[in-house]
């Protein structure tokens, strides 16, 4: 047989090798894991744990060359070929269930909460996000020039910079209302950066508030490009939350206040996961 001009010859026992060799079985497990993930997503709109799936499939592929040079039980291949498909399917199911079994409703973020774009969600979001931002921003009712920013920018209330000039003044109530509007604005901007699975199952109001206060501090464009959101969208919730801690510098230096703020936002983001205590 010729394929693309190359002469291809099959070994005598190619059927048995395809059904019963160690390397072939390993390849079939890897393929079934990938197909199983797609089927699972089609039904549930959730993916198996991405990093775990990658490690398993990568490991199986690395194992195949080694298994190919291991002596095969040629004399048994004829008797095992019927059992091989069932064995391969069982291995794939067992590996898949081991990943699914590590999930819990809190790990998926699938606890009941309103859709993240709704007023009902905002009613839960505001009492969490506003006090958290107020804790770290501090109140200034008279504008000041923030010289750490590049370029320097007039700032007032709880770090508000949009449309602020040196002659503006605000009451504390006006600052609180302004902060609430801006936090919800940042949350709404981040919704365009979240994967559908994130919005459906990984964004309870606590986590939404943590990411909104994070974005309020670094900007929604910076947050959208951050590892924190990329990992969250990939299903690595804890890694995404902890990646906020990378944003602890200003002017190229680690700032203790920012470091503490990121730790506080991370704790809020992690709230509800089985891997950490509830803050």
C-alpha atoms as a PDB file:
ATOM      1  CA  UNK A   1       0.000   0.000   0.000  1.00  0.00           C
ATOM      2  CA  UNK A   2       1.244   3.505  -0.856  1.00  0.00           C
ATOM      3  CA  UNK A   3       0.269   6.578   1.180  1.00  0.00           C
ATOM      4  CA  UNK A   4       1.494   9.947  -0.067  1.00  0.00           C
ATOM      5  CA  UNK A   5       4.119   8.171  -2.123  1.00  0.00           C
ATOM      6  CA  UNK A   6       5.443   6.087   0.772  1.00  0.00           C
ATOM      7  CA  UNK A   7       5.243   2.313   0.681  1.00  0.00           C
ATOM      8  CA  UNK A   8       3.459   1.098   3.800  1.00  0.00           C
ATOM      9  CA  UNK A   9       3.524  -2.527   4.910  1.00  0.00           C
ATOM     10  CA  UNK A  10       1.587  -3.885   7.864  1.00  0.00           C
ATOM     11  CA  UNK A  11       3.023  -6.385  10.303  1.00  0.00           C
ATOM     12  CA  UNK A  12       1.537  -9.863  10.242  1.00  0.00           C
ATOM     13  CA  UNK A  13      -0.350  -9.564  13.530  1.00  0.00           C
ATOM     14  CA  UNK A  14      -1.473  -5.956  13.100  1.00  0.00           C
ATOM     15  CA  UNK A  15      -5.050  -6.693  14.122  1.00  0.00           C
ATOM     16  CA  UNK A  16      -3.979  -8.204  17.406  1.00  0.00           C
ATOM     17  CA  UNK A  17      -1.552  -5.356  18.041  1.00  0.00           C
ATOM     18  CA  UNK A  18      -4.298  -2.767  17.476  1.00  0.00           C
ATOM     19  CA  UNK A  19      -6.617  -4.532  19.884  1.00  0.00           C
ATOM     20  CA  UNK A  20      -4.344  -5.861  22.586  1.00  0.00           C
ATOM     21  CA  UNK A  21      -0.920  -4.172  22.691  1.00  0.00           C
ATOM     22  CA  UNK A  22      -0.117  -2.121  25.755  1.00  0.00           C
ATOM     23  CA  UNK A  23       0.627   1.042  23.760  1.00  0.00           C
ATOM     24  CA  UNK A  24      -2.590   0.783  21.747  1.00  0.00           C
ATOM     25  CA  UNK A  25      -4.679   0.400  24.891  1.00  0.00           C
ATOM     26  CA  UNK A  26      -2.981   3.448  26.390  1.00  0.00           C
ATOM     27  CA  UNK A  27      -3.744   5.485  23.273  1.00  0.00           C
ATOM     28  CA  UNK A  28      -7.393   4.416  23.391  1.00  0.00           C
ATOM     29  CA  UNK A  29      -7.686   5.488  27.027  1.00  0.00           C
ATOM     30  CA  UNK A  30      -6.288   8.922  26.161  1.00  0.00           C
ATOM     31  CA  UNK A  31      -8.715   9.330  23.256  1.00  0.00           C
ATOM     32  CA  UNK A  32     -11.687   8.207  25.343  1.00  0.00           C
ATOM     33  CA  UNK A  33     -10.740  10.671  28.090  1.00  0.00           C
ATOM     34  CA  UNK A  34     -10.754  13.528  25.581  1.00  0.00           C
ATOM     35  CA  UNK A  35     -14.017  12.398  23.979  1.00  0.00           C
ATOM     36  CA  UNK A  36     -15.536  11.825  27.402  1.00  0.00           C
ATOM     37  CA  UNK A  37     -14.670  15.368  28.401  1.00  0.00           C
ATOM     38  CA  UNK A  38     -16.408  16.740  25.304  1.00  0.00           C
ATOM     39  CA  UNK A  39     -19.489  14.608  25.940  1.00  0.00           C
ATOM     40  CA  UNK A  40     -19.548  15.621  29.601  1.00  0.00           C
ATOM     41  CA  UNK A  41     -19.344  19.287  28.576  1.00  0.00           C
ATOM     42  CA  UNK A  42     -22.132  18.875  25.998  1.00  0.00           C
ATOM     43  CA  UNK A  43     -24.433  17.473  28.672  1.00  0.00           C
ATOM     44  CA  UNK A  44     -23.490  19.563  31.743  1.00  0.00           C
ATOM     45  CA  UNK A  45     -21.799  22.641  30.233  1.00  0.00           C
ATOM     46  CA  UNK A  46     -18.834  21.969  32.542  1.00  0.00           C
ATOM     47  CA  UNK A  47     -15.405  20.614  31.744  1.00  0.00           C
ATOM     48  CA  UNK A  48     -13.481  18.051  33.718  1.00  0.00           C
ATOM     49  CA  UNK A  49     -10.706  19.611  35.752  1.00  0.00           C
ATOM     50  CA  UNK A  50      -8.533  21.004  32.913  1.00  0.00           C
ATOM     51  CA  UNK A  51      -5.132  20.652  34.546  1.00  0.00           C
ATOM     52  CA  UNK A  52      -5.832  17.117  35.722  1.00  0.00           C
ATOM     53  CA  UNK A  53      -7.087  16.110  32.289  1.00  0.00           C
ATOM     54  CA  UNK A  54      -4.013  17.595  30.620  1.00  0.00           C
ATOM     55  CA  UNK A  55      -1.631  15.786  32.992  1.00  0.00           C
ATOM     56  CA  UNK A  56      -3.394  12.473  32.490  1.00  0.00           C
ATOM     57  CA  UNK A  57      -3.483  12.650  28.686  1.00  0.00           C
ATOM     58  CA  UNK A  58       0.087  13.980  28.494  1.00  0.00           C
ATOM     59  CA  UNK A  59       1.284  11.227  30.805  1.00  0.00           C
ATOM     60  CA  UNK A  60      -0.468   8.541  28.779  1.00  0.00           C
ATOM     61  CA  UNK A  61       1.117   9.826  25.577  1.00  0.00           C
ATOM     62  CA  UNK A  62       4.571   9.839  27.169  1.00  0.00           C
ATOM     63  CA  UNK A  63       3.964   6.296  28.392  1.00  0.00           C
ATOM     64  CA  UNK A  64       3.117   4.919  24.950  1.00  0.00           C
ATOM     65  CA  UNK A  65       6.687   4.772  23.523  1.00  0.00           C
ATOM     66  CA  UNK A  66       7.867   2.942  26.636  1.00  0.00           C
ATOM     67  CA  UNK A  67       5.036   0.449  26.420  1.00  0.00           C
ATOM     68  CA  UNK A  68       5.760  -0.112  22.741  1.00  0.00           C
ATOM     69  CA  UNK A  69       9.215  -1.506  23.514  1.00  0.00           C
ATOM     70  CA  UNK A  70       8.000  -3.704  26.366  1.00  0.00           C
ATOM     71  CA  UNK A  71       7.663  -7.341  25.333  1.00  0.00           C
ATOM     72  CA  UNK A  72       4.082  -7.950  24.290  1.00  0.00           C
ATOM     73  CA  UNK A  73       2.175 -11.150  25.155  1.00  0.00           C
ATOM     74  CA  UNK A  74       1.826 -12.141  21.499  1.00  0.00           C
ATOM     75  CA  UNK A  75       0.638 -15.610  22.284  1.00  0.00           C
ATOM     76  CA  UNK A  76      -2.237 -14.176  24.347  1.00  0.00           C
ATOM     77  CA  UNK A  77      -3.333 -11.450  21.959  1.00  0.00           C
ATOM     78  CA  UNK A  78      -5.796 -13.599  20.132  1.00  0.00           C
ATOM     79  CA  UNK A  79      -7.611 -14.472  23.369  1.00  0.00           C
ATOM     80  CA  UNK A  80      -7.562 -10.955  24.841  1.00  0.00           C
ATOM     81  CA  UNK A  81      -8.727  -8.937  21.864  1.00  0.00           C
ATOM     82  CA  UNK A  82     -12.389  -9.348  22.811  1.00  0.00           C
ATOM     83  CA  UNK A  83     -11.739  -8.145  26.345  1.00  0.00           C
ATOM     84  CA  UNK A  84      -9.535  -5.214  25.313  1.00  0.00           C
ATOM     85  CA  UNK A  85     -12.286  -2.739  24.335  1.00  0.00           C
ATOM     86  CA  UNK A  86     -14.109  -3.309  27.617  1.00  0.00           C
ATOM     87  CA  UNK A  87     -10.855  -2.952  29.562  1.00  0.00           C
ATOM     88  CA  UNK A  88      -9.972   0.300  27.799  1.00  0.00           C
ATOM     89  CA  UNK A  89     -13.453   1.729  28.374  1.00  0.00           C
ATOM     90  CA  UNK A  90     -13.320   0.737  32.045  1.00  0.00           C
ATOM     91  CA  UNK A  91      -9.940   2.435  32.520  1.00  0.00           C
ATOM     92  CA  UNK A  92     -11.179   5.641  30.875  1.00  0.00           C
ATOM     93  CA  UNK A  93     -14.373   5.679  32.948  1.00  0.00           C
ATOM     94  CA  UNK A  94     -12.410   5.071  36.156  1.00  0.00           C
ATOM     95  CA  UNK A  95     -10.007   7.929  35.417  1.00  0.00           C
ATOM     96  CA  UNK A  96     -12.856  10.259  34.453  1.00  0.00           C
ATOM     97  CA  UNK A  97     -14.828   9.429  37.580  1.00  0.00           C
ATOM     98  CA  UNK A  98     -11.752  10.045  39.701  1.00  0.00           C
ATOM     99  CA  UNK A  99     -11.704  13.608  38.393  1.00  0.00           C
ATOM    100  CA  UNK A 100     -15.430  14.128  38.700  1.00  0.00           C
ATOM    101  CA  UNK A 101     -15.376  12.600  42.162  1.00  0.00           C
ATOM    102  CA  UNK A 102     -12.988  15.312  43.349  1.00  0.00           C
ATOM    103  CA  UNK A 103     -15.636  17.931  42.661  1.00  0.00           C
ATOM    104  CA  UNK A 104     -18.148  19.208  45.114  1.00  0.00           C
ATOM    105  CA  UNK A 105     -20.825  21.891  44.693  1.00  0.00           C
ATOM    106  CA  UNK A 106     -18.625  24.437  46.479  1.00  0.00           C
ATOM    107  CA  UNK A 107     -15.624  23.623  44.302  1.00  0.00           C
ATOM    108  CA  UNK A 108     -17.712  24.209  41.205  1.00  0.00           C
ATOM    109  CA  UNK A 109     -19.251  27.323  42.657  1.00  0.00           C
ATOM    110  CA  UNK A 110     -22.609  25.807  41.728  1.00  0.00           C
ATOM    111  CA  UNK A 111     -24.459  26.920  44.831  1.00  0.00           C
ATOM    112  CA  UNK A 112     -27.754  28.627  44.032  1.00  0.00           C
ATOM    113  CA  UNK A 113     -27.361  32.315  43.241  1.00  0.00           C
ATOM    114  CA  UNK A 114     -28.928  34.656  40.692  1.00  0.00           C
ATOM    115  CA  UNK A 115     -27.392  35.237  37.278  1.00  0.00           C
ATOM    116  CA  UNK A 116     -24.427  37.668  37.640  1.00  0.00           C
ATOM    117  CA  UNK A 117     -25.992  40.382  35.460  1.00  0.00           C
ATOM    118  CA  UNK A 118     -29.265  40.670  37.375  1.00  0.00           C
ATOM    119  CA  UNK A 119     -30.528  43.072  40.027  1.00  0.00           C
ATOM    120  CA  UNK A 120     -31.053  40.125  42.371  1.00  0.00           C
ATOM    121  CA  UNK A 121     -27.336  39.342  42.126  1.00  0.00           C
ATOM    122  CA  UNK A 122     -26.474  43.004  42.752  1.00  0.00           C
ATOM    123  CA  UNK A 123     -28.521  42.956  45.957  1.00  0.00           C
ATOM    124  CA  UNK A 124     -26.193  40.236  47.245  1.00  0.00           C
ATOM    125  CA  UNK A 125     -23.087  41.745  45.641  1.00  0.00           C
ATOM    126  CA  UNK A 126     -23.272  45.317  47.013  1.00  0.00           C
ATOM    127  CA  UNK A 127     -23.179  44.486  50.757  1.00  0.00           C
ATOM    128  CA  UNK A 128     -20.021  42.446  50.127  1.00  0.00           C
ATOM    129  CA  UNK A 129     -18.161  44.542  47.561  1.00  0.00           C
ATOM    130  CA  UNK A 130     -18.754  48.038  48.935  1.00  0.00           C
ATOM    131  CA  UNK A 131     -17.436  47.443  52.486  1.00  0.00           C
ATOM    132  CA  UNK A 132     -14.483  45.503  51.078  1.00  0.00           C
ATOM    133  CA  UNK A 133     -13.461  48.367  48.776  1.00  0.00           C
ATOM    134  CA  UNK A 134     -14.058  50.987  51.502  1.00  0.00           C
ATOM    135  CA  UNK A 135     -11.781  49.048  53.853  1.00  0.00           C
ATOM    136  CA  UNK A 136      -8.794  49.422  51.525  1.00  0.00           C
ATOM    137  CA  UNK A 137      -9.432  52.641  49.669  1.00  0.00           C
ATOM    138  CA  UNK A 138     -10.051  55.043  52.536  1.00  0.00           C
ATOM    139  CA  UNK A 139     -12.352  58.067  52.353  1.00  0.00           C
ATOM    140  CA  UNK A 140     -11.217  61.463  51.039  1.00  0.00           C
ATOM    141  CA  UNK A 141     -14.046  63.961  50.425  1.00  0.00           C
ATOM    142  CA  UNK A 142     -11.606  66.565  49.051  1.00  0.00           C
ATOM    143  CA  UNK A 143      -9.722  65.608  45.859  1.00  0.00           C
ATOM    144  CA  UNK A 144      -5.987  64.952  46.039  1.00  0.00           C
ATOM    145  CA  UNK A 145      -3.411  64.398  43.332  1.00  0.00           C
ATOM    146  CA  UNK A 146      -2.293  60.768  43.295  1.00  0.00           C
ATOM    147  CA  UNK A 147       1.355  61.073  42.280  1.00  0.00           C
ATOM    148  CA  UNK A 148       1.995  57.318  42.365  1.00  0.00           C
ATOM    149  CA  UNK A 149      -0.258  56.893  39.348  1.00  0.00           C
ATOM    150  CA  UNK A 150       1.307  57.335  35.903  1.00  0.00           C
ATOM    151  CA  UNK A 151       0.360  59.977  34.943  1.00  0.00           C
ATOM    152  CA  UNK A 152      -0.715  61.555  38.271  1.00  0.00           C
ATOM    153  CA  UNK A 153      -4.503  61.784  38.573  1.00  0.00           C
ATOM    154  CA  UNK A 154      -6.960  63.655  40.777  1.00  0.00           C
ATOM    155  CA  UNK A 155      -8.618  61.240  43.182  1.00  0.00           C
ATOM    156  CA  UNK A 156     -11.495  61.534  45.652  1.00  0.00           C
ATOM    157  CA  UNK A 157     -13.848  59.490  47.830  1.00  0.00           C
ATOM    158  CA  UNK A 158     -12.766  55.826  47.748  1.00  0.00           C
ATOM    159  CA  UNK A 159     -10.172  56.086  45.014  1.00  0.00           C
ATOM    160  CA  UNK A 160     -12.487  57.517  42.361  1.00  0.00           C
ATOM    161  CA  UNK A 161     -10.632  59.177  39.468  1.00  0.00           C
ATOM    162  CA  UNK A 162     -13.228  59.389  36.699  1.00  0.00           C
ATOM    163  CA  UNK A 163     -14.072  63.027  35.905  1.00  0.00           C
ATOM    164  CA  UNK A 164     -12.575  64.354  39.143  1.00  0.00           C
ATOM    165  CA  UNK A 165     -11.054  67.836  39.355  1.00  0.00           C
ATOM    166  CA  UNK A 166      -9.262  69.759  42.126  1.00  0.00           C
ATOM    167  CA  UNK A 167     -12.335  71.819  43.074  1.00  0.00           C
ATOM    168  CA  UNK A 168     -14.802  68.966  43.548  1.00  0.00           C
ATOM    169  CA  UNK A 169     -16.170  67.987  46.965  1.00  0.00           C
ATOM    170  CA  UNK A 170     -18.506  65.183  48.028  1.00  0.00           C
ATOM    171  CA  UNK A 171     -20.341  64.028  51.144  1.00  0.00           C
ATOM    172  CA  UNK A 172     -19.692  60.577  52.545  1.00  0.00           C
ATOM    173  CA  UNK A 173     -23.129  59.428  51.366  1.00  0.00           C
ATOM    174  CA  UNK A 174     -22.352  60.618  47.845  1.00  0.00           C
ATOM    175  CA  UNK A 175     -19.027  58.779  47.975  1.00  0.00           C
ATOM    176  CA  UNK A 176     -20.728  55.567  49.094  1.00  0.00           C
ATOM    177  CA  UNK A 177     -23.259  55.795  46.267  1.00  0.00           C
ATOM    178  CA  UNK A 178     -20.499  56.561  43.762  1.00  0.00           C
ATOM    179  CA  UNK A 179     -18.461  53.587  44.938  1.00  0.00           C
ATOM    180  CA  UNK A 180     -21.429  51.242  44.613  1.00  0.00           C
ATOM    181  CA  UNK A 181     -22.117  52.365  41.052  1.00  0.00           C
ATOM    182  CA  UNK A 182     -18.493  52.044  40.036  1.00  0.00           C
ATOM    183  CA  UNK A 183     -18.023  48.597  41.575  1.00  0.00           C
ATOM    184  CA  UNK A 184     -21.087  47.326  39.719  1.00  0.00           C
ATOM    185  CA  UNK A 185     -19.734  48.945  36.548  1.00  0.00           C
ATOM    186  CA  UNK A 186     -16.431  47.091  36.947  1.00  0.00           C
ATOM    187  CA  UNK A 187     -18.286  43.864  37.663  1.00  0.00           C
ATOM    188  CA  UNK A 188     -20.352  44.364  34.496  1.00  0.00           C
ATOM    189  CA  UNK A 189     -17.222  45.030  32.432  1.00  0.00           C
ATOM    190  CA  UNK A 190     -15.624  41.836  33.739  1.00  0.00           C
ATOM    191  CA  UNK A 191     -18.654  39.806  32.638  1.00  0.00           C
ATOM    192  CA  UNK A 192     -17.417  40.206  29.058  1.00  0.00           C
ATOM    193  CA  UNK A 193     -14.135  38.540  30.092  1.00  0.00           C
ATOM    194  CA  UNK A 194     -15.614  35.584  31.972  1.00  0.00           C
ATOM    195  CA  UNK A 195     -16.187  32.288  30.185  1.00  0.00           C
ATOM    196  CA  UNK A 196     -19.815  31.078  30.063  1.00  0.00           C
ATOM    197  CA  UNK A 197     -18.953  28.309  32.536  1.00  0.00           C
ATOM    198  CA  UNK A 198     -17.514  30.898  34.922  1.00  0.00           C
ATOM    199  CA  UNK A 199     -20.686  32.981  34.885  1.00  0.00           C
ATOM    200  CA  UNK A 200     -22.863  29.895  35.270  1.00  0.00           C
ATOM    201  CA  UNK A 201     -21.052  27.964  37.998  1.00  0.00           C
ATOM    202  CA  UNK A 202     -17.970  29.755  39.371  1.00  0.00           C
ATOM    203  CA  UNK A 203     -19.112  33.279  40.285  1.00  0.00           C
ATOM    204  CA  UNK A 204     -21.071  33.442  43.526  1.00  0.00           C
ATOM    205  CA  UNK A 205     -21.509  37.027  44.772  1.00  0.00           C
ATOM    206  CA  UNK A 206     -18.522  36.675  47.118  1.00  0.00           C
ATOM    207  CA  UNK A 207     -16.193  35.773  44.246  1.00  0.00           C
ATOM    208  CA  UNK A 208     -17.780  38.328  41.953  1.00  0.00           C
ATOM    209  CA  UNK A 209     -17.197  40.998  44.611  1.00  0.00           C
ATOM    210  CA  UNK A 210     -13.559  39.950  45.065  1.00  0.00           C
ATOM    211  CA  UNK A 211     -12.854  40.253  41.343  1.00  0.00           C
ATOM    212  CA  UNK A 212     -14.743  43.556  41.112  1.00  0.00           C
ATOM    213  CA  UNK A 213     -12.734  45.169  43.919  1.00  0.00           C
ATOM    214  CA  UNK A 214      -9.591  43.749  42.320  1.00  0.00           C
ATOM    215  CA  UNK A 215     -10.560  45.349  38.992  1.00  0.00           C
ATOM    216  CA  UNK A 216     -11.522  48.609  40.723  1.00  0.00           C
ATOM    217  CA  UNK A 217      -7.931  48.832  41.910  1.00  0.00           C
ATOM    218  CA  UNK A 218      -6.056  47.724  38.762  1.00  0.00           C
ATOM    219  CA  UNK A 219      -8.581  48.476  36.004  1.00  0.00           C
ATOM    220  CA  UNK A 220     -10.947  46.157  34.173  1.00  0.00           C
ATOM    221  CA  UNK A 221      -8.633  45.773  31.164  1.00  0.00           C
ATOM    222  CA  UNK A 222      -5.758  44.687  33.399  1.00  0.00           C
ATOM    223  CA  UNK A 223      -8.004  42.275  35.275  1.00  0.00           C
ATOM    224  CA  UNK A 224      -9.328  40.767  32.037  1.00  0.00           C
ATOM    225  CA  UNK A 225      -5.787  40.061  30.831  1.00  0.00           C
ATOM    226  CA  UNK A 226      -4.650  38.732  34.195  1.00  0.00           C
ATOM    227  CA  UNK A 227      -3.761  35.194  35.153  1.00  0.00           C
ATOM    228  CA  UNK A 228      -6.408  35.535  37.861  1.00  0.00           C
ATOM    229  CA  UNK A 229      -9.230  35.516  35.316  1.00  0.00           C
ATOM    230  CA  UNK A 230      -7.541  33.148  32.863  1.00  0.00           C
ATOM    231  CA  UNK A 231      -7.193  30.499  35.571  1.00  0.00           C
ATOM    232  CA  UNK A 232     -10.763  31.053  36.770  1.00  0.00           C
ATOM    233  CA  UNK A 233     -12.050  30.627  33.223  1.00  0.00           C
ATOM    234  CA  UNK A 234     -10.020  27.416  32.903  1.00  0.00           C
ATOM    235  CA  UNK A 235     -11.781  26.009  35.956  1.00  0.00           C
ATOM    236  CA  UNK A 236      -8.816  26.459  38.302  1.00  0.00           C
ATOM    237  CA  UNK A 237     -10.746  28.539  40.834  1.00  0.00           C
ATOM    238  CA  UNK A 238      -8.245  28.504  43.700  1.00  0.00           C
ATOM    239  CA  UNK A 239      -5.316  29.282  41.381  1.00  0.00           C
ATOM    240  CA  UNK A 240      -7.250  32.150  39.857  1.00  0.00           C
ATOM    241  CA  UNK A 241      -8.037  33.611  43.263  1.00  0.00           C
ATOM    242  CA  UNK A 242      -4.446  33.323  44.458  1.00  0.00           C
ATOM    243  CA  UNK A 243      -3.114  34.868  41.246  1.00  0.00           C
ATOM    244  CA  UNK A 244      -4.545  38.189  42.425  1.00  0.00           C
ATOM    245  CA  UNK A 245      -1.598  38.298  44.798  1.00  0.00           C
ATOM    246  CA  UNK A 246       0.740  38.934  41.871  1.00  0.00           C
ATOM    247  CA  UNK A 247      -0.656  42.492  41.643  1.00  0.00           C
ATOM    248  CA  UNK A 248       1.036  43.851  44.763  1.00  0.00           C
ATOM    249  CA  UNK A 249       3.385  46.444  43.279  1.00  0.00           C
ATOM    250  CA  UNK A 250       3.264  50.157  42.518  1.00  0.00           C
ATOM    251  CA  UNK A 251       6.090  52.029  40.856  1.00  0.00           C
ATOM    252  CA  UNK A 252       7.931  48.709  40.501  1.00  0.00           C
ATOM    253  CA  UNK A 253       8.024  48.091  44.268  1.00  0.00           C
ATOM    254  CA  UNK A 254       6.040  45.726  46.465  1.00  0.00           C
ATOM    255  CA  UNK A 255       3.674  47.832  48.564  1.00  0.00           C
ATOM    256  CA  UNK A 256       2.647  46.354  51.902  1.00  0.00           C
ATOM    257  CA  UNK A 257      -0.831  47.866  51.666  1.00  0.00           C
ATOM    258  CA  UNK A 258      -1.385  46.323  48.248  1.00  0.00           C
ATOM    259  CA  UNK A 259      -0.006  43.011  49.433  1.00  0.00           C
ATOM    260  CA  UNK A 260      -2.441  42.974  52.349  1.00  0.00           C
ATOM    261  CA  UNK A 261      -5.314  44.046  50.110  1.00  0.00           C
ATOM    262  CA  UNK A 262      -4.623  41.253  47.638  1.00  0.00           C
ATOM    263  CA  UNK A 263      -4.526  38.745  50.502  1.00  0.00           C
ATOM    264  CA  UNK A 264      -7.916  40.021  51.718  1.00  0.00           C
ATOM    265  CA  UNK A 265      -9.430  39.834  48.216  1.00  0.00           C
ATOM    266  CA  UNK A 266      -7.979  36.362  47.738  1.00  0.00           C
ATOM    267  CA  UNK A 267      -9.570  35.145  50.981  1.00  0.00           C
ATOM    268  CA  UNK A 268     -12.934  36.509  49.854  1.00  0.00           C
ATOM    269  CA  UNK A 269     -12.519  34.903  46.445  1.00  0.00           C
ATOM    270  CA  UNK A 270     -11.684  31.522  48.003  1.00  0.00           C
ATOM    271  CA  UNK A 271     -14.634  31.628  50.367  1.00  0.00           C
ATOM    272  CA  UNK A 272     -16.742  28.502  50.009  1.00  0.00           C
ATOM    273  CA  UNK A 273     -14.097  26.271  48.451  1.00  0.00           C
ATOM    274  CA  UNK A 274     -13.487  23.007  50.288  1.00  0.00           C
ATOM    275  CA  UNK A 275      -9.714  23.527  50.072  1.00  0.00           C
ATOM    276  CA  UNK A 276      -9.748  26.541  52.400  1.00  0.00           C
ATOM    277  CA  UNK A 277     -11.572  27.542  55.575  1.00  0.00           C
ATOM    278  CA  UNK A 278     -14.506  29.892  55.126  1.00  0.00           C
ATOM    279  CA  UNK A 279     -13.317  33.414  55.873  1.00  0.00           C
END
